Amino acid sequence: MLNAAVRNQTELKVIVDHELCCYCGACVAVCPPDAIFLTDSFLAIDQETCTACERCTKMCPVHALTMAEAAQ
């Protein structure tokens, strides 16, 4: 698991594959800083709030969330 200090060094972020996402809300339920928002039509992630803990990527039943290095 990555903490906030490691995230700042590596600049990881969560990427959503909207074609795979089934909008089940499993990721929202496990996000400790409440950085994931589910609306009627899309899933959004507040990258500034996200700590890159990877809980959402592990919980997603359709593997729609992945971790990637942020573009500098």
N, C-alpha and C. Protein backbone atom coordinates (compact mmCIF):
# COMPACT_ATOMS: atom_id res chain seq x y z
N MET A 1 0.83 -1.17 0.00
CA MET A 1 0.00 0.00 0.00
C MET A 1 0.88 1.24 0.00
N LEU A 2 0.45 2.25 -0.69
CA LEU A 2 1.21 3.49 -0.75
C LEU A 2 0.60 4.53 0.16
N ASN A 3 1.44 5.24 0.89
CA ASN A 3 0.90 6.32 1.70
C ASN A 3 1.07 7.64 0.95
N ALA A 4 0.60 8.73 1.53
CA ALA A 4 0.62 10.03 0.86
C ALA A 4 2.04 10.49 0.56
N ALA A 5 2.99 10.23 1.43
CA ALA A 5 4.36 10.65 1.20
C ALA A 5 4.95 9.94 -0.01
N VAL A 6 4.69 8.65 -0.14
CA VAL A 6 5.18 7.90 -1.30
C VAL A 6 4.47 8.38 -2.55
N ARG A 7 3.19 8.66 -2.46
CA ARG A 7 2.44 9.14 -3.62
C ARG A 7 3.06 10.42 -4.15
N ASN A 8 3.44 11.34 -3.27
CA ASN A 8 4.03 12.59 -3.70
C ASN A 8 5.35 12.38 -4.42
N GLN A 9 6.09 11.36 -4.04
CA GLN A 9 7.36 11.07 -4.69
C GLN A 9 7.15 10.43 -6.06
N THR A 10 6.21 9.53 -6.17
CA THR A 10 6.02 8.79 -7.40
C THR A 10 4.97 9.39 -8.32
N GLU A 11 4.11 10.27 -7.77
CA GLU A 11 3.04 10.91 -8.53
C GLU A 11 2.15 9.88 -9.24
N LEU A 12 1.62 8.96 -8.46
CA LEU A 12 0.68 7.98 -8.99
C LEU A 12 -0.72 8.56 -8.98
N LYS A 13 -1.54 8.10 -9.92
CA LYS A 13 -2.94 8.49 -9.91
C LYS A 13 -3.79 7.33 -10.39
N VAL A 14 -5.06 7.38 -10.05
CA VAL A 14 -6.00 6.34 -10.46
C VAL A 14 -6.59 6.72 -11.81
N ILE A 15 -6.61 5.77 -12.71
CA ILE A 15 -7.18 5.96 -14.03
C ILE A 15 -8.45 5.11 -14.12
N VAL A 16 -9.52 5.70 -14.64
CA VAL A 16 -10.80 5.00 -14.78
C VAL A 16 -11.02 4.66 -16.25
N ASP A 17 -11.28 3.39 -16.52
CA ASP A 17 -11.70 2.97 -17.86
C ASP A 17 -13.22 3.01 -17.86
N HIS A 18 -13.77 4.09 -18.39
CA HIS A 18 -15.22 4.29 -18.34
C HIS A 18 -16.00 3.27 -19.16
N GLU A 19 -15.34 2.62 -20.10
CA GLU A 19 -16.02 1.58 -20.88
C GLU A 19 -16.20 0.31 -20.06
N LEU A 20 -15.30 0.08 -19.12
CA LEU A 20 -15.40 -1.11 -18.26
C LEU A 20 -16.23 -0.87 -17.01
N CYS A 21 -16.22 0.36 -16.52
CA CYS A 21 -16.89 0.68 -15.25
C CYS A 21 -18.38 0.35 -15.31
N CYS A 22 -18.84 -0.37 -14.29
CA CYS A 22 -20.26 -0.75 -14.22
C CYS A 22 -21.01 0.11 -13.20
N TYR A 23 -20.34 1.12 -12.63
CA TYR A 23 -20.95 2.07 -11.70
C TYR A 23 -21.60 1.38 -10.50
N CYS A 24 -20.89 0.38 -9.97
CA CYS A 24 -21.43 -0.37 -8.83
C CYS A 24 -21.21 0.35 -7.50
N GLY A 25 -20.21 1.23 -7.44
CA GLY A 25 -19.93 1.96 -6.22
C GLY A 25 -19.01 1.25 -5.24
N ALA A 26 -18.48 0.10 -5.60
CA ALA A 26 -17.58 -0.64 -4.70
C ALA A 26 -16.35 0.19 -4.36
N CYS A 27 -15.82 0.91 -5.32
CA CYS A 27 -14.64 1.73 -5.08
C CYS A 27 -14.94 2.90 -4.15
N VAL A 28 -16.11 3.47 -4.30
CA VAL A 28 -16.52 4.59 -3.45
C VAL A 28 -16.58 4.13 -1.99
N ALA A 29 -17.08 2.94 -1.77
CA ALA A 29 -17.24 2.41 -0.41
C ALA A 29 -15.93 2.18 0.31
N VAL A 30 -14.84 1.89 -0.42
CA VAL A 30 -13.57 1.58 0.23
C VAL A 30 -12.55 2.72 0.20
N CYS A 31 -12.90 3.85 -0.35
CA CYS A 31 -11.97 4.98 -0.48
C CYS A 31 -11.86 5.73 0.85
N PRO A 32 -10.71 5.62 1.55
CA PRO A 32 -10.57 6.26 2.86
C PRO A 32 -10.72 7.79 2.83
N PRO A 33 -10.13 8.49 1.84
CA PRO A 33 -10.28 9.95 1.87
C PRO A 33 -11.50 10.47 1.11
N ASP A 34 -12.40 9.57 0.70
CA ASP A 34 -13.59 9.97 -0.06
C ASP A 34 -13.22 10.76 -1.32
N ALA A 35 -12.28 10.24 -2.08
CA ALA A 35 -11.81 10.91 -3.29
C ALA A 35 -12.56 10.47 -4.54
N ILE A 36 -13.45 9.47 -4.41
CA ILE A 36 -14.17 8.95 -5.57
C ILE A 36 -15.63 9.33 -5.48
N PHE A 37 -16.14 9.83 -6.59
CA PHE A 37 -17.52 10.28 -6.66
C PHE A 37 -18.26 9.56 -7.78
N LEU A 38 -19.42 9.05 -7.46
CA LEU A 38 -20.25 8.33 -8.42
C LEU A 38 -21.50 9.14 -8.69
N THR A 39 -21.74 9.44 -9.96
CA THR A 39 -22.96 10.14 -10.34
C THR A 39 -23.81 9.18 -11.16
N ASP A 40 -24.90 9.66 -11.69
CA ASP A 40 -25.77 8.81 -12.52
C ASP A 40 -25.10 8.39 -13.81
N SER A 41 -24.12 9.17 -14.27
CA SER A 41 -23.55 8.88 -15.59
C SER A 41 -22.05 8.66 -15.63
N PHE A 42 -21.33 8.91 -14.53
CA PHE A 42 -19.88 8.69 -14.57
C PHE A 42 -19.27 8.57 -13.18
N LEU A 43 -18.04 8.11 -13.17
CA LEU A 43 -17.24 7.99 -11.96
C LEU A 43 -16.13 9.02 -12.05
N ALA A 44 -15.92 9.79 -11.00
CA ALA A 44 -14.87 10.80 -10.99
C ALA A 44 -13.97 10.60 -9.78
N ILE A 45 -12.69 10.93 -9.97
CA ILE A 45 -11.72 10.81 -8.89
C ILE A 45 -11.05 12.16 -8.69
N ASP A 46 -11.07 12.63 -7.45
CA ASP A 46 -10.38 13.86 -7.09
C ASP A 46 -8.92 13.48 -6.85
N GLN A 47 -8.07 13.72 -7.82
CA GLN A 47 -6.67 13.31 -7.74
C GLN A 47 -5.92 14.04 -6.64
N GLU A 48 -6.35 15.21 -6.26
CA GLU A 48 -5.69 15.95 -5.18
C GLU A 48 -5.98 15.31 -3.82
N THR A 49 -7.13 14.69 -3.68
CA THR A 49 -7.52 14.06 -2.42
C THR A 49 -7.04 12.62 -2.35
N CYS A 50 -6.94 11.96 -3.49
CA CYS A 50 -6.53 10.55 -3.57
C CYS A 50 -5.14 10.35 -2.97
N THR A 51 -5.00 9.31 -2.15
CA THR A 51 -3.71 8.97 -1.54
C THR A 51 -3.03 7.80 -2.24
N ALA A 52 -3.60 7.32 -3.31
CA ALA A 52 -3.04 6.20 -4.09
C ALA A 52 -2.88 4.94 -3.24
N CYS A 53 -3.83 4.70 -2.37
CA CYS A 53 -3.76 3.53 -1.49
C CYS A 53 -4.05 2.22 -2.23
N GLU A 54 -4.65 2.32 -3.40
CA GLU A 54 -4.97 1.19 -4.28
C GLU A 54 -6.13 0.34 -3.81
N ARG A 55 -6.83 0.73 -2.78
CA ARG A 55 -7.98 -0.05 -2.33
C ARG A 55 -9.05 -0.13 -3.42
N CYS A 56 -9.27 0.96 -4.11
CA CYS A 56 -10.29 0.98 -5.16
C CYS A 56 -9.93 0.03 -6.30
N THR A 57 -8.65 0.01 -6.68
CA THR A 57 -8.25 -0.86 -7.79
C THR A 57 -8.41 -2.33 -7.43
N LYS A 58 -8.18 -2.65 -6.16
CA LYS A 58 -8.31 -4.04 -5.71
C LYS A 58 -9.77 -4.44 -5.53
N MET A 59 -10.64 -3.49 -5.24
CA MET A 59 -12.05 -3.79 -4.99
C MET A 59 -12.88 -3.86 -6.27
N CYS A 60 -12.46 -3.17 -7.31
CA CYS A 60 -13.25 -3.08 -8.54
C CYS A 60 -13.50 -4.47 -9.15
N PRO A 61 -14.76 -4.88 -9.26
CA PRO A 61 -15.06 -6.22 -9.77
C PRO A 61 -14.81 -6.38 -11.27
N VAL A 62 -14.73 -5.28 -11.99
CA VAL A 62 -14.53 -5.37 -13.45
C VAL A 62 -13.17 -4.81 -13.88
N HIS A 63 -12.31 -4.52 -12.92
CA HIS A 63 -10.94 -4.02 -13.17
C HIS A 63 -10.93 -2.76 -14.03
N ALA A 64 -11.84 -1.84 -13.72
CA ALA A 64 -11.93 -0.59 -14.47
C ALA A 64 -10.98 0.48 -13.92
N LEU A 65 -10.41 0.24 -12.76
CA LEU A 65 -9.50 1.21 -12.15
C LEU A 65 -8.09 0.66 -12.14
N THR A 66 -7.14 1.49 -12.54
CA THR A 66 -5.73 1.12 -12.53
C THR A 66 -4.90 2.28 -12.01
N MET A 67 -3.70 1.98 -11.57
CA MET A 67 -2.77 3.01 -11.11
C MET A 67 -1.78 3.31 -12.24
N ALA A 68 -1.45 4.59 -12.40
CA ALA A 68 -0.50 4.99 -13.42
C ALA A 68 0.28 6.20 -12.93
N GLU A 69 1.47 6.38 -13.47
CA GLU A 69 2.25 7.56 -13.13
C GLU A 69 1.60 8.77 -13.79
N ALA A 70 1.47 9.82 -13.02
CA ALA A 70 0.89 11.06 -13.54
C ALA A 70 1.87 11.72 -14.50
N ALA A 71 1.33 12.34 -15.52
CA ALA A 71 2.15 13.08 -16.47
C ALA A 71 2.73 14.29 -15.76
N GLN A 72 4.00 14.50 -15.89
CA GLN A 72 4.65 15.63 -15.23
C GLN A 72 4.57 16.88 -16.06
